[in-house]
Amino acid sequence: MIKKHCFLTWILTGCLLIGSLTGCSGNKQKNGDTSGDLPQRTTSVQSMTGHNENEDSNLGAWGRAMGAVLISINDGNPYYFGGYEATDANKKAARNILKSSWSISGRKDLLKQIRFLQNTGSRKDYKREAKDLKALSAKERKKALNQVSGALKTHYDNLQYVSDTWGKKGLLAWDLCRISHLVQWGYIADYVNLDEAQALLQPAATELQKSFDNWDDVVSNWLDGYAYASSIEIRSIEKTDYTNRQEIYQKLLSEQKDTDPLFNNKLFQEDIIPLGTVSYDSLMEEIKTTPKTKKKQNKASEKKMSQGKDSEKKTK
């Protein structure tokens, strides 16, 4: 992933400092957005019917839809919360991937990463870059982009597309849907139980409901965020992992039943029903820091999280 702060917008005597931009084209930054392998099922759940989440709440339905495309990419069952059966073998595999791809070694690490995605995520860098890009005139922007190539050009082409298409909502679903991925893997890894996994989704579901009208928009925002984070051309005429994911979403839509839709747009009109057993806030109390250490720990934690890998297996 390209270093986000490379796009300098300083103008000296009317000229953009292109040298500063192109000088960082060879640098790579781990930022939680690269791909890796997901847990492999030892017991198939594809044939299992019904839902396993707490039916007293609709947070399970939110979570399954938010993570459905990625679960499907990796041969999981998107109708089954967690995607895979909670076997010992899958528990071990889920823990391995959370450790290797996210530097998550236990319950507290998981909660911290979820809090980071909810509050900050990739949106922080995107908003800074989009602000810098917007400050340029059309002529300056064109001049800058004409002097870069390869992954760096793709990155800034994507930045312009996301900024023009989504504005302040850019990468919102990308960050929030990854919370669904983490809570489902965290459940399979036995770092949180089923109710806790669903409770951790409440702020993300609330934000998605407030910001979008339907699942088409959520998935489009997630896909554009994925392309931005992975430097995959959004407007490429070639078949890419971006277009593969689009196709998987369309396939899931075409196959869902009216009586049990995976992507239920009624969720955007209905109240979000919390669980009475546990809440997001009560879980976050476990990682609450004292005022004296909070600033220092948050800075160190954000640096660590921005260097992780996102466990997203690419389709072939």
C-alpha atoms as a PDB file:
ATOM      1  CA  MET A   1       0.000   0.000   0.000  1.00  0.00           C
ATOM      2  CA  ILE A   2       1.285   3.455  -0.898  1.00  0.00           C
ATOM      3  CA  LYS A   3       2.304   5.772   1.878  1.00  0.00           C
ATOM      4  CA  LYS A   4      -0.663   8.052   2.369  1.00  0.00           C
ATOM      5  CA  HIS A   5       1.170  11.240   3.311  1.00  0.00           C
ATOM      6  CA  CYS A   6       3.233  11.342   0.108  1.00  0.00           C
ATOM      7  CA  PHE A   7       0.813  13.547  -1.821  1.00  0.00           C
ATOM      8  CA  LEU A   8       2.212  17.015  -1.112  1.00  0.00           C
ATOM      9  CA  THR A   9       0.049  19.908  -2.163  1.00  0.00           C
ATOM     10  CA  TRP A  10       2.471  22.722  -1.595  1.00  0.00           C
ATOM     11  CA  ILE A  11       2.622  25.111  -4.511  1.00  0.00           C
ATOM     12  CA  LEU A  12       5.749  27.165  -5.039  1.00  0.00           C
ATOM     13  CA  THR A  13       5.595  30.024  -7.566  1.00  0.00           C
ATOM     14  CA  GLY A  14       2.568  28.386  -9.106  1.00  0.00           C
ATOM     15  CA  CYS A  15       4.181  24.914  -9.556  1.00  0.00           C
ATOM     16  CA  LEU A  16       3.286  21.682  -7.764  1.00  0.00           C
ATOM     17  CA  LEU A  17       6.222  19.938  -6.091  1.00  0.00           C
ATOM     18  CA  ILE A  18       5.939  16.761  -8.146  1.00  0.00           C
ATOM     19  CA  GLY A  19       9.372  15.602  -7.045  1.00  0.00           C
ATOM     20  CA  SER A  20       8.137  15.146  -3.516  1.00  0.00           C
ATOM     21  CA  LEU A  21       5.205  13.083  -4.761  1.00  0.00           C
ATOM     22  CA  THR A  22       7.136  10.779  -7.072  1.00  0.00           C
ATOM     23  CA  GLY A  23      10.003  10.390  -4.642  1.00  0.00           C
ATOM     24  CA  CYS A  24       7.938   8.116  -2.396  1.00  0.00           C
ATOM     25  CA  SER A  25       6.513   5.850  -5.067  1.00  0.00           C
ATOM     26  CA  GLY A  26       8.715   2.979  -3.996  1.00  0.00           C
ATOM     27  CA  ASN A  27       7.676   2.983  -0.353  1.00  0.00           C
ATOM     28  CA  LYS A  28       5.180   0.475   0.955  1.00  0.00           C
ATOM     29  CA  GLN A  29       3.219   0.720   4.160  1.00  0.00           C
ATOM     30  CA  LYS A  30       1.407  -2.039   5.962  1.00  0.00           C
ATOM     31  CA  ASN A  31      -1.888  -0.548   6.980  1.00  0.00           C
ATOM     32  CA  GLY A  32      -4.328  -3.333   7.709  1.00  0.00           C
ATOM     33  CA  ASP A  33      -5.562  -3.543   4.125  1.00  0.00           C
ATOM     34  CA  THR A  34      -3.526  -6.324   2.525  1.00  0.00           C
ATOM     35  CA  SER A  35      -4.759  -9.834   1.945  1.00  0.00           C
ATOM     36  CA  GLY A  36      -4.133 -13.149   3.613  1.00  0.00           C
ATOM     37  CA  ASP A  37      -5.682 -16.563   4.121  1.00  0.00           C
ATOM     38  CA  LEU A  38      -8.820 -17.129   6.120  1.00  0.00           C
ATOM     39  CA  PRO A  39      -9.726 -20.019   8.405  1.00  0.00           C
ATOM     40  CA  GLN A  40     -10.481 -23.168   6.473  1.00  0.00           C
ATOM     41  CA  ARG A  41     -13.548 -25.143   7.487  1.00  0.00           C
ATOM     42  CA  THR A  42     -13.091 -28.679   8.738  1.00  0.00           C
ATOM     43  CA  THR A  43     -16.847 -29.173   8.940  1.00  0.00           C
ATOM     44  CA  SER A  44     -19.123 -27.801   6.259  1.00  0.00           C
ATOM     45  CA  VAL A  45     -21.878 -25.420   7.327  1.00  0.00           C
ATOM     46  CA  GLN A  46     -23.195 -24.817   3.823  1.00  0.00           C
ATOM     47  CA  SER A  47     -25.980 -27.337   4.281  1.00  0.00           C
ATOM     48  CA  MET A  48     -27.005 -26.090   7.725  1.00  0.00           C
ATOM     49  CA  THR A  49     -30.343 -24.310   7.826  1.00  0.00           C
ATOM     50  CA  GLY A  50     -31.570 -21.568  10.103  1.00  0.00           C
ATOM     51  CA  HIS A  51     -29.551 -18.908  11.865  1.00  0.00           C
ATOM     52  CA  ASN A  52     -27.366 -19.376  14.907  1.00  0.00           C
ATOM     53  CA  GLU A  53     -27.349 -15.808  16.235  1.00  0.00           C
ATOM     54  CA  ASN A  54     -29.495 -14.396  19.020  1.00  0.00           C
ATOM     55  CA  GLU A  55     -32.902 -13.849  17.431  1.00  0.00           C
ATOM     56  CA  ASP A  56     -33.948 -11.342  20.110  1.00  0.00           C
ATOM     57  CA  SER A  57     -31.816  -8.811  18.229  1.00  0.00           C
ATOM     58  CA  ASN A  58     -31.329  -7.930  14.563  1.00  0.00           C
ATOM     59  CA  LEU A  59     -27.601  -7.296  14.994  1.00  0.00           C
ATOM     60  CA  GLY A  60     -26.843 -10.787  13.750  1.00  0.00           C
ATOM     61  CA  ALA A  61     -28.648 -10.011  10.495  1.00  0.00           C
ATOM     62  CA  TRP A  62     -26.642  -6.809  10.157  1.00  0.00           C
ATOM     63  CA  GLY A  63     -23.386  -8.632  10.785  1.00  0.00           C
ATOM     64  CA  ARG A  64     -24.076 -11.447   8.338  1.00  0.00           C
ATOM     65  CA  ALA A  65     -24.870  -8.982   5.539  1.00  0.00           C
ATOM     66  CA  MET A  66     -21.850  -6.803   6.331  1.00  0.00           C
ATOM     67  CA  GLY A  67     -19.490  -9.751   6.036  1.00  0.00           C
ATOM     68  CA  ALA A  68     -21.301 -11.865   3.446  1.00  0.00           C
ATOM     69  CA  VAL A  69     -19.093 -11.266   0.411  1.00  0.00           C
ATOM     70  CA  LEU A  70     -15.860 -12.045   2.228  1.00  0.00           C
ATOM     71  CA  ILE A  71     -17.340 -15.109   3.922  1.00  0.00           C
ATOM     72  CA  SER A  72     -18.501 -16.356   0.512  1.00  0.00           C
ATOM     73  CA  ILE A  73     -15.103 -15.737  -1.072  1.00  0.00           C
ATOM     74  CA  ASN A  74     -13.652 -18.154   1.442  1.00  0.00           C
ATOM     75  CA  ASP A  75     -16.325 -20.840   1.059  1.00  0.00           C
ATOM     76  CA  GLY A  76     -18.096 -20.034   4.307  1.00  0.00           C
ATOM     77  CA  ASN A  77     -21.841 -19.887   4.811  1.00  0.00           C
ATOM     78  CA  PRO A  78     -22.927 -16.216   4.895  1.00  0.00           C
ATOM     79  CA  TYR A  79     -26.255 -17.189   6.449  1.00  0.00           C
ATOM     80  CA  TYR A  80     -24.460 -18.660   9.464  1.00  0.00           C
ATOM     81  CA  PHE A  81     -22.948 -16.121  11.859  1.00  0.00           C
ATOM     82  CA  GLY A  82     -19.223 -16.737  11.891  1.00  0.00           C
ATOM     83  CA  GLY A  83     -19.331 -18.431   8.503  1.00  0.00           C
ATOM     84  CA  TYR A  84     -17.843 -21.637   9.857  1.00  0.00           C
ATOM     85  CA  GLU A  85     -18.689 -24.110  12.562  1.00  0.00           C
ATOM     86  CA  ALA A  86     -16.954 -23.383  15.865  1.00  0.00           C
ATOM     87  CA  THR A  87     -14.754 -26.510  15.892  1.00  0.00           C
ATOM     88  CA  ASP A  88     -11.374 -26.809  17.613  1.00  0.00           C
ATOM     89  CA  ALA A  89      -9.621 -26.879  14.252  1.00  0.00           C
ATOM     90  CA  ASN A  90     -11.387 -23.723  13.066  1.00  0.00           C
ATOM     91  CA  LYS A  91     -10.683 -22.061  16.416  1.00  0.00           C
ATOM     92  CA  LYS A  92      -6.967 -22.656  15.926  1.00  0.00           C
ATOM     93  CA  ALA A  93      -7.080 -21.450  12.320  1.00  0.00           C
ATOM     94  CA  ALA A  94      -9.004 -18.301  13.244  1.00  0.00           C
ATOM     95  CA  ARG A  95      -6.533 -17.481  16.001  1.00  0.00           C
ATOM     96  CA  ASN A  96      -3.628 -17.962  13.617  1.00  0.00           C
ATOM     97  CA  ILE A  97      -5.048 -15.599  11.030  1.00  0.00           C
ATOM     98  CA  LEU A  98      -5.986 -12.942  13.579  1.00  0.00           C
ATOM     99  CA  LYS A  99      -2.448 -13.091  14.921  1.00  0.00           C
ATOM    100  CA  SER A 100      -0.618 -13.081  11.589  1.00  0.00           C
ATOM    101  CA  SER A 101      -2.826 -10.582   9.776  1.00  0.00           C
ATOM    102  CA  TRP A 102      -4.009  -8.240  12.518  1.00  0.00           C
ATOM    103  CA  SER A 103      -1.527  -8.759  15.395  1.00  0.00           C
ATOM    104  CA  ILE A 104      -4.492  -9.886  17.494  1.00  0.00           C
ATOM    105  CA  SER A 105      -3.414 -12.378  20.162  1.00  0.00           C
ATOM    106  CA  GLY A 106      -6.409 -12.327  22.453  1.00  0.00           C
ATOM    107  CA  ARG A 107      -9.640 -10.745  23.555  1.00  0.00           C
ATOM    108  CA  LYS A 108      -8.267  -7.293  24.439  1.00  0.00           C
ATOM    109  CA  ASP A 109      -6.384  -7.003  21.158  1.00  0.00           C
ATOM    110  CA  LEU A 110      -9.592  -7.829  19.308  1.00  0.00           C
ATOM    111  CA  LEU A 111     -11.573  -5.204  21.203  1.00  0.00           C
ATOM    112  CA  LYS A 112      -8.896  -2.563  20.570  1.00  0.00           C
ATOM    113  CA  GLN A 113      -8.839  -3.270  16.836  1.00  0.00           C
ATOM    114  CA  ILE A 114     -12.636  -3.058  16.650  1.00  0.00           C
ATOM    115  CA  ARG A 115     -12.571   0.256  18.501  1.00  0.00           C
ATOM    116  CA  PHE A 116      -9.901   1.530  16.110  1.00  0.00           C
ATOM    117  CA  LEU A 117     -11.965   0.620  13.030  1.00  0.00           C
ATOM    118  CA  GLN A 118     -15.083   2.136  14.561  1.00  0.00           C
ATOM    119  CA  ASN A 119     -13.454   5.424  15.530  1.00  0.00           C
ATOM    120  CA  THR A 120     -10.611   5.873  13.039  1.00  0.00           C
ATOM    121  CA  GLY A 121      -9.743   3.091  10.593  1.00  0.00           C
ATOM    122  CA  SER A 122      -8.543   3.916   7.087  1.00  0.00           C
ATOM    123  CA  ARG A 123     -10.845   6.949   7.010  1.00  0.00           C
ATOM    124  CA  LYS A 124      -8.311   9.164   8.748  1.00  0.00           C
ATOM    125  CA  ASP A 125      -5.718   8.916   5.986  1.00  0.00           C
ATOM    126  CA  TYR A 126      -8.356   9.061   3.264  1.00  0.00           C
ATOM    127  CA  LYS A 127      -9.871  12.282   4.604  1.00  0.00           C
ATOM    128  CA  ARG A 128      -6.471  13.937   4.811  1.00  0.00           C
ATOM    129  CA  GLU A 129      -5.601  12.909   1.268  1.00  0.00           C
ATOM    130  CA  ALA A 130      -9.002  13.909  -0.089  1.00  0.00           C
ATOM    131  CA  LYS A 131      -8.652  17.321   1.532  1.00  0.00           C
ATOM    132  CA  ASP A 132      -5.221  17.802  -0.060  1.00  0.00           C
ATOM    133  CA  LEU A 133      -6.542  16.686  -3.432  1.00  0.00           C
ATOM    134  CA  LYS A 134      -9.514  19.029  -3.248  1.00  0.00           C
ATOM    135  CA  ALA A 135      -7.191  21.960  -2.526  1.00  0.00           C
ATOM    136  CA  LEU A 136      -5.595  21.552  -5.964  1.00  0.00           C
ATOM    137  CA  SER A 137      -7.000  23.151  -9.065  1.00  0.00           C
ATOM    138  CA  ALA A 138      -8.026  20.865 -11.917  1.00  0.00           C
ATOM    139  CA  LYS A 139      -4.893  21.914 -13.804  1.00  0.00           C
ATOM    140  CA  GLU A 140      -2.587  21.230 -10.868  1.00  0.00           C
ATOM    141  CA  ARG A 141      -4.234  17.879 -10.232  1.00  0.00           C
ATOM    142  CA  LYS A 142      -3.863  16.840 -13.860  1.00  0.00           C
ATOM    143  CA  LYS A 143      -0.218  17.893 -13.892  1.00  0.00           C
ATOM    144  CA  ALA A 144       0.516  15.916 -10.758  1.00  0.00           C
ATOM    145  CA  LEU A 145      -1.195  12.740 -11.958  1.00  0.00           C
ATOM    146  CA  ASN A 146       0.516  12.940 -15.345  1.00  0.00           C
ATOM    147  CA  GLN A 147       3.889  12.602 -13.629  1.00  0.00           C
ATOM    148  CA  VAL A 148       3.177   9.406 -11.682  1.00  0.00           C
ATOM    149  CA  SER A 149       2.579   5.859 -12.868  1.00  0.00           C
ATOM    150  CA  GLY A 150       1.906   2.315 -11.712  1.00  0.00           C
ATOM    151  CA  ALA A 151       0.454   1.675  -8.264  1.00  0.00           C
ATOM    152  CA  LEU A 152       0.893   5.291  -7.207  1.00  0.00           C
ATOM    153  CA  LYS A 153      -1.177   6.571 -10.131  1.00  0.00           C
ATOM    154  CA  THR A 154      -3.806   3.907  -9.442  1.00  0.00           C
ATOM    155  CA  HIS A 155      -3.920   5.004  -5.822  1.00  0.00           C
ATOM    156  CA  TYR A 156      -4.543   8.657  -6.663  1.00  0.00           C
ATOM    157  CA  ASP A 157      -6.976   7.859  -9.468  1.00  0.00           C
ATOM    158  CA  ASN A 158      -8.918   5.825  -6.917  1.00  0.00           C
ATOM    159  CA  LEU A 159      -8.640   8.623  -4.379  1.00  0.00           C
ATOM    160  CA  GLN A 160     -10.166  11.058  -6.841  1.00  0.00           C
ATOM    161  CA  TYR A 161     -12.945   8.609  -7.732  1.00  0.00           C
ATOM    162  CA  VAL A 162     -13.799   7.857  -4.089  1.00  0.00           C
ATOM    163  CA  SER A 163     -13.688  11.530  -3.165  1.00  0.00           C
ATOM    164  CA  ASP A 164     -15.935  12.539  -6.075  1.00  0.00           C
ATOM    165  CA  THR A 165     -18.349   9.653  -5.461  1.00  0.00           C
ATOM    166  CA  TRP A 166     -18.562   9.476  -1.687  1.00  0.00           C
ATOM    167  CA  GLY A 167     -17.096  12.655  -0.214  1.00  0.00           C
ATOM    168  CA  LYS A 168     -16.905  12.429   3.576  1.00  0.00           C
ATOM    169  CA  LYS A 169     -18.481   8.968   3.497  1.00  0.00           C
ATOM    170  CA  GLY A 170     -15.504   7.539   1.613  1.00  0.00           C
ATOM    171  CA  LEU A 171     -14.195   4.290   3.166  1.00  0.00           C
ATOM    172  CA  LEU A 172     -16.902   4.342   5.844  1.00  0.00           C
ATOM    173  CA  ALA A 173     -18.373   0.955   4.922  1.00  0.00           C
ATOM    174  CA  TRP A 174     -14.860  -0.389   4.241  1.00  0.00           C
ATOM    175  CA  ASP A 175     -13.917   0.204   7.886  1.00  0.00           C
ATOM    176  CA  LEU A 176     -17.251  -0.733   9.434  1.00  0.00           C
ATOM    177  CA  CYS A 177     -17.776  -3.945   7.462  1.00  0.00           C
ATOM    178  CA  ARG A 178     -14.347  -5.127   8.563  1.00  0.00           C
ATOM    179  CA  ILE A 179     -15.678  -4.982  12.107  1.00  0.00           C
ATOM    180  CA  SER A 180     -18.117  -7.676  11.055  1.00  0.00           C
ATOM    181  CA  HIS A 181     -15.229  -9.757   9.696  1.00  0.00           C
ATOM    182  CA  LEU A 182     -13.332  -9.380  12.964  1.00  0.00           C
ATOM    183  CA  VAL A 183     -16.221 -10.182  15.286  1.00  0.00           C
ATOM    184  CA  GLN A 184     -17.110 -13.289  13.295  1.00  0.00           C
ATOM    185  CA  TRP A 185     -13.485 -14.507  13.279  1.00  0.00           C
ATOM    186  CA  GLY A 186     -13.251 -13.513  16.944  1.00  0.00           C
ATOM    187  CA  TYR A 187     -16.275 -15.672  17.674  1.00  0.00           C
ATOM    188  CA  ILE A 188     -14.794 -18.673  15.860  1.00  0.00           C
ATOM    189  CA  ALA A 189     -11.477 -18.021  17.668  1.00  0.00           C
ATOM    190  CA  ASP A 190     -13.381 -18.077  20.991  1.00  0.00           C
ATOM    191  CA  TYR A 191     -12.232 -14.607  21.985  1.00  0.00           C
ATOM    192  CA  VAL A 192     -15.849 -13.477  22.285  1.00  0.00           C
ATOM    193  CA  ASN A 193     -19.063 -15.420  22.616  1.00  0.00           C
ATOM    194  CA  LEU A 194     -21.967 -15.199  20.188  1.00  0.00           C
ATOM    195  CA  ASP A 195     -23.842 -12.460  22.033  1.00  0.00           C
ATOM    196  CA  GLU A 196     -20.680 -10.406  22.530  1.00  0.00           C
ATOM    197  CA  ALA A 197     -19.813 -10.678  18.840  1.00  0.00           C
ATOM    198  CA  GLN A 198     -23.229  -9.302  17.891  1.00  0.00           C
ATOM    199  CA  ALA A 199     -23.132  -6.552  20.525  1.00  0.00           C
ATOM    200  CA  LEU A 200     -19.833  -5.303  19.123  1.00  0.00           C
ATOM    201  CA  LEU A 201     -21.627  -4.568  15.839  1.00  0.00           C
ATOM    202  CA  GLN A 202     -24.155  -2.101  17.212  1.00  0.00           C
ATOM    203  CA  PRO A 203     -22.291   1.202  16.634  1.00  0.00           C
ATOM    204  CA  ALA A 204     -21.198   0.070  13.155  1.00  0.00           C
ATOM    205  CA  ALA A 205     -24.737  -0.944  12.204  1.00  0.00           C
ATOM    206  CA  THR A 206     -26.079   2.347  13.581  1.00  0.00           C
ATOM    207  CA  GLU A 207     -23.585   4.346  11.498  1.00  0.00           C
ATOM    208  CA  LEU A 208     -24.334   2.383   8.330  1.00  0.00           C
ATOM    209  CA  GLN A 209     -28.062   2.841   8.826  1.00  0.00           C
ATOM    210  CA  LYS A 210     -27.594   6.588   9.302  1.00  0.00           C
ATOM    211  CA  SER A 211     -25.265   7.003   6.311  1.00  0.00           C
ATOM    212  CA  PHE A 212     -26.732   4.685   3.652  1.00  0.00           C
ATOM    213  CA  ASP A 213     -30.165   3.744   2.341  1.00  0.00           C
ATOM    214  CA  ASN A 214     -29.603   0.165   1.206  1.00  0.00           C
ATOM    215  CA  TRP A 215     -27.091  -2.672   0.846  1.00  0.00           C
ATOM    216  CA  ASP A 216     -26.196  -1.745  -2.719  1.00  0.00           C
ATOM    217  CA  ASP A 217     -24.722   1.508  -1.437  1.00  0.00           C
ATOM    218  CA  VAL A 218     -23.001  -0.145   1.521  1.00  0.00           C
ATOM    219  CA  VAL A 219     -21.365  -2.801  -0.638  1.00  0.00           C
ATOM    220  CA  SER A 220     -20.351  -0.261  -3.285  1.00  0.00           C
ATOM    221  CA  ASN A 221     -18.702   1.879  -0.617  1.00  0.00           C
ATOM    222  CA  TRP A 222     -16.975  -1.186   0.831  1.00  0.00           C
ATOM    223  CA  LEU A 223     -15.741  -2.238  -2.606  1.00  0.00           C
ATOM    224  CA  ASP A 224     -14.411   1.223  -3.439  1.00  0.00           C
ATOM    225  CA  GLY A 225     -12.662   1.322  -0.084  1.00  0.00           C
ATOM    226  CA  TYR A 226     -11.138  -2.074  -0.776  1.00  0.00           C
ATOM    227  CA  ALA A 227      -9.841  -0.888  -4.155  1.00  0.00           C
ATOM    228  CA  TYR A 228      -8.433   2.293  -2.603  1.00  0.00           C
ATOM    229  CA  ALA A 229      -6.695   0.333   0.149  1.00  0.00           C
ATOM    230  CA  SER A 230      -5.354  -2.310  -2.240  1.00  0.00           C
ATOM    231  CA  SER A 231      -4.448  -0.100  -5.230  1.00  0.00           C
ATOM    232  CA  ILE A 232      -6.768  -1.995  -7.578  1.00  0.00           C
ATOM    233  CA  GLU A 233      -8.167   0.116 -10.407  1.00  0.00           C
ATOM    234  CA  ILE A 234     -11.810   0.875  -9.716  1.00  0.00           C
ATOM    235  CA  ARG A 235     -12.485   1.840 -13.318  1.00  0.00           C
ATOM    236  CA  SER A 236     -10.353  -0.850 -14.906  1.00  0.00           C
ATOM    237  CA  ILE A 237     -11.736  -2.519 -18.023  1.00  0.00           C
ATOM    238  CA  GLU A 238      -9.937  -5.697 -16.994  1.00  0.00           C
ATOM    239  CA  LYS A 239     -11.292  -8.350 -14.666  1.00  0.00           C
ATOM    240  CA  THR A 240      -9.862  -7.785 -11.188  1.00  0.00           C
ATOM    241  CA  ASP A 241     -10.486  -8.857  -7.629  1.00  0.00           C
ATOM    242  CA  TYR A 242     -12.679  -5.755  -7.392  1.00  0.00           C
ATOM    243  CA  THR A 243     -14.939  -6.984 -10.211  1.00  0.00           C
ATOM    244  CA  ASN A 244     -14.881 -10.508  -8.776  1.00  0.00           C
ATOM    245  CA  ARG A 245     -16.277  -9.196  -5.510  1.00  0.00           C
ATOM    246  CA  GLN A 246     -18.952  -7.251  -7.356  1.00  0.00           C
ATOM    247  CA  GLU A 247     -19.985 -10.462  -9.087  1.00  0.00           C
ATOM    248  CA  ILE A 248     -20.109 -12.393  -5.827  1.00  0.00           C
ATOM    249  CA  TYR A 249     -22.402  -9.757  -4.338  1.00  0.00           C
ATOM    250  CA  GLN A 250     -24.704  -9.919  -7.359  1.00  0.00           C
ATOM    251  CA  LYS A 251     -24.742 -13.714  -7.169  1.00  0.00           C
ATOM    252  CA  LEU A 252     -25.690 -13.633  -3.489  1.00  0.00           C
ATOM    253  CA  LEU A 253     -28.453 -11.146  -4.280  1.00  0.00           C
ATOM    254  CA  SER A 254     -29.871 -13.294  -7.077  1.00  0.00           C
ATOM    255  CA  GLU A 255     -29.841 -16.423  -4.928  1.00  0.00           C
ATOM    256  CA  GLN A 256     -31.373 -15.019  -1.754  1.00  0.00           C
ATOM    257  CA  LYS A 257     -34.919 -15.962  -0.879  1.00  0.00           C
ATOM    258  CA  ASP A 258     -37.666 -13.409  -0.353  1.00  0.00           C
ATOM    259  CA  THR A 259     -38.580 -15.195   2.872  1.00  0.00           C
ATOM    260  CA  ASP A 260     -35.031 -14.985   4.221  1.00  0.00           C
ATOM    261  CA  PRO A 261     -33.030 -12.266   2.431  1.00  0.00           C
ATOM    262  CA  LEU A 262     -29.358 -12.040   3.275  1.00  0.00           C
ATOM    263  CA  PHE A 263     -29.262  -8.379   2.226  1.00  0.00           C
ATOM    264  CA  ASN A 264     -32.493  -7.208   3.810  1.00  0.00           C
ATOM    265  CA  ASN A 265     -33.056  -3.536   2.994  1.00  0.00           C
ATOM    266  CA  LYS A 266     -35.784  -3.362   5.637  1.00  0.00           C
ATOM    267  CA  LEU A 267     -32.972  -3.205   8.185  1.00  0.00           C
ATOM    268  CA  PHE A 268     -32.382   0.391   7.101  1.00  0.00           C
ATOM    269  CA  GLN A 269     -35.925   1.369   8.085  1.00  0.00           C
ATOM    270  CA  GLU A 270     -36.256  -0.700  11.257  1.00  0.00           C
ATOM    271  CA  ASP A 271     -34.928   0.158  14.687  1.00  0.00           C
ATOM    272  CA  ILE A 272     -31.691  -1.558  15.589  1.00  0.00           C
ATOM    273  CA  ILE A 273     -32.485  -3.940  18.405  1.00  0.00           C
ATOM    274  CA  PRO A 274     -29.685  -4.300  20.962  1.00  0.00           C
ATOM    275  CA  LEU A 275     -29.066  -7.413  22.994  1.00  0.00           C
ATOM    276  CA  GLY A 276     -30.210  -7.259  26.589  1.00  0.00           C
ATOM    277  CA  THR A 277     -27.341  -9.447  27.729  1.00  0.00           C
ATOM    278  CA  VAL A 278     -24.301  -7.333  26.827  1.00  0.00           C
ATOM    279  CA  SER A 279     -23.479  -4.057  25.045  1.00  0.00           C
ATOM    280  CA  TYR A 280     -20.660  -2.513  23.006  1.00  0.00           C
ATOM    281  CA  ASP A 281     -19.973   0.013  25.762  1.00  0.00           C
ATOM    282  CA  SER A 282     -19.764  -2.619  28.501  1.00  0.00           C
ATOM    283  CA  LEU A 283     -17.271  -4.613  26.429  1.00  0.00           C
ATOM    284  CA  MET A 284     -15.157  -1.531  25.744  1.00  0.00           C
ATOM    285  CA  GLU A 285     -14.910  -0.947  29.505  1.00  0.00           C
ATOM    286  CA  GLU A 286     -12.469  -3.870  29.506  1.00  0.00           C
ATOM    287  CA  ILE A 287      -9.915  -1.806  27.568  1.00  0.00           C
ATOM    288  CA  LYS A 288     -10.629   1.555  29.128  1.00  0.00           C
ATOM    289  CA  THR A 289      -7.444   3.421  30.068  1.00  0.00           C
ATOM    290  CA  THR A 290      -6.771   5.970  32.788  1.00  0.00           C
ATOM    291  CA  PRO A 291      -6.488   9.653  31.791  1.00  0.00           C
ATOM    292  CA  LYS A 292      -2.709   9.676  32.406  1.00  0.00           C
ATOM    293  CA  THR A 293      -1.946   6.775  30.117  1.00  0.00           C
ATOM    294  CA  LYS A 294      -4.771   7.057  27.621  1.00  0.00           C
ATOM    295  CA  LYS A 295      -3.047   9.439  25.180  1.00  0.00           C
ATOM    296  CA  LYS A 296       0.221   7.491  25.168  1.00  0.00           C
ATOM    297  CA  GLN A 297      -1.461   4.094  24.802  1.00  0.00           C
ATOM    298  CA  ASN A 298      -3.832   5.262  22.083  1.00  0.00           C
ATOM    299  CA  LYS A 299      -0.947   6.620  20.024  1.00  0.00           C
ATOM    300  CA  ALA A 300       1.035   3.386  20.345  1.00  0.00           C
ATOM    301  CA  SER A 301      -2.067   1.272  19.691  1.00  0.00           C
ATOM    302  CA  GLU A 302      -3.030   3.235  16.547  1.00  0.00           C
ATOM    303  CA  LYS A 303       0.502   2.858  15.167  1.00  0.00           C
ATOM    304  CA  LYS A 304       0.401  -0.899  15.747  1.00  0.00           C
ATOM    305  CA  MET A 305      -3.033  -1.290  14.199  1.00  0.00           C
ATOM    306  CA  SER A 306      -2.128   0.728  11.124  1.00  0.00           C
ATOM    307  CA  GLN A 307       0.667  -1.741  10.451  1.00  0.00           C
ATOM    308  CA  GLY A 308      -1.456  -4.889  10.513  1.00  0.00           C
ATOM    309  CA  LYS A 309      -2.730  -6.880   7.568  1.00  0.00           C
ATOM    310  CA  ASP A 310      -6.323  -7.262   6.611  1.00  0.00           C
ATOM    311  CA  SER A 311      -7.221 -10.921   6.275  1.00  0.00           C
ATOM    312  CA  GLU A 312      -8.892 -10.755   2.897  1.00  0.00           C
ATOM    313  CA  LYS A 313      -8.268 -13.657   0.565  1.00  0.00           C
ATOM    314  CA  LYS A 314      -8.452 -12.607  -3.070  1.00  0.00           C
ATOM    315  CA  THR A 315     -10.530 -14.589  -5.484  1.00  0.00           C
ATOM    316  CA  LYS A 316      -8.734 -16.117  -8.418  1.00  0.00           C
END
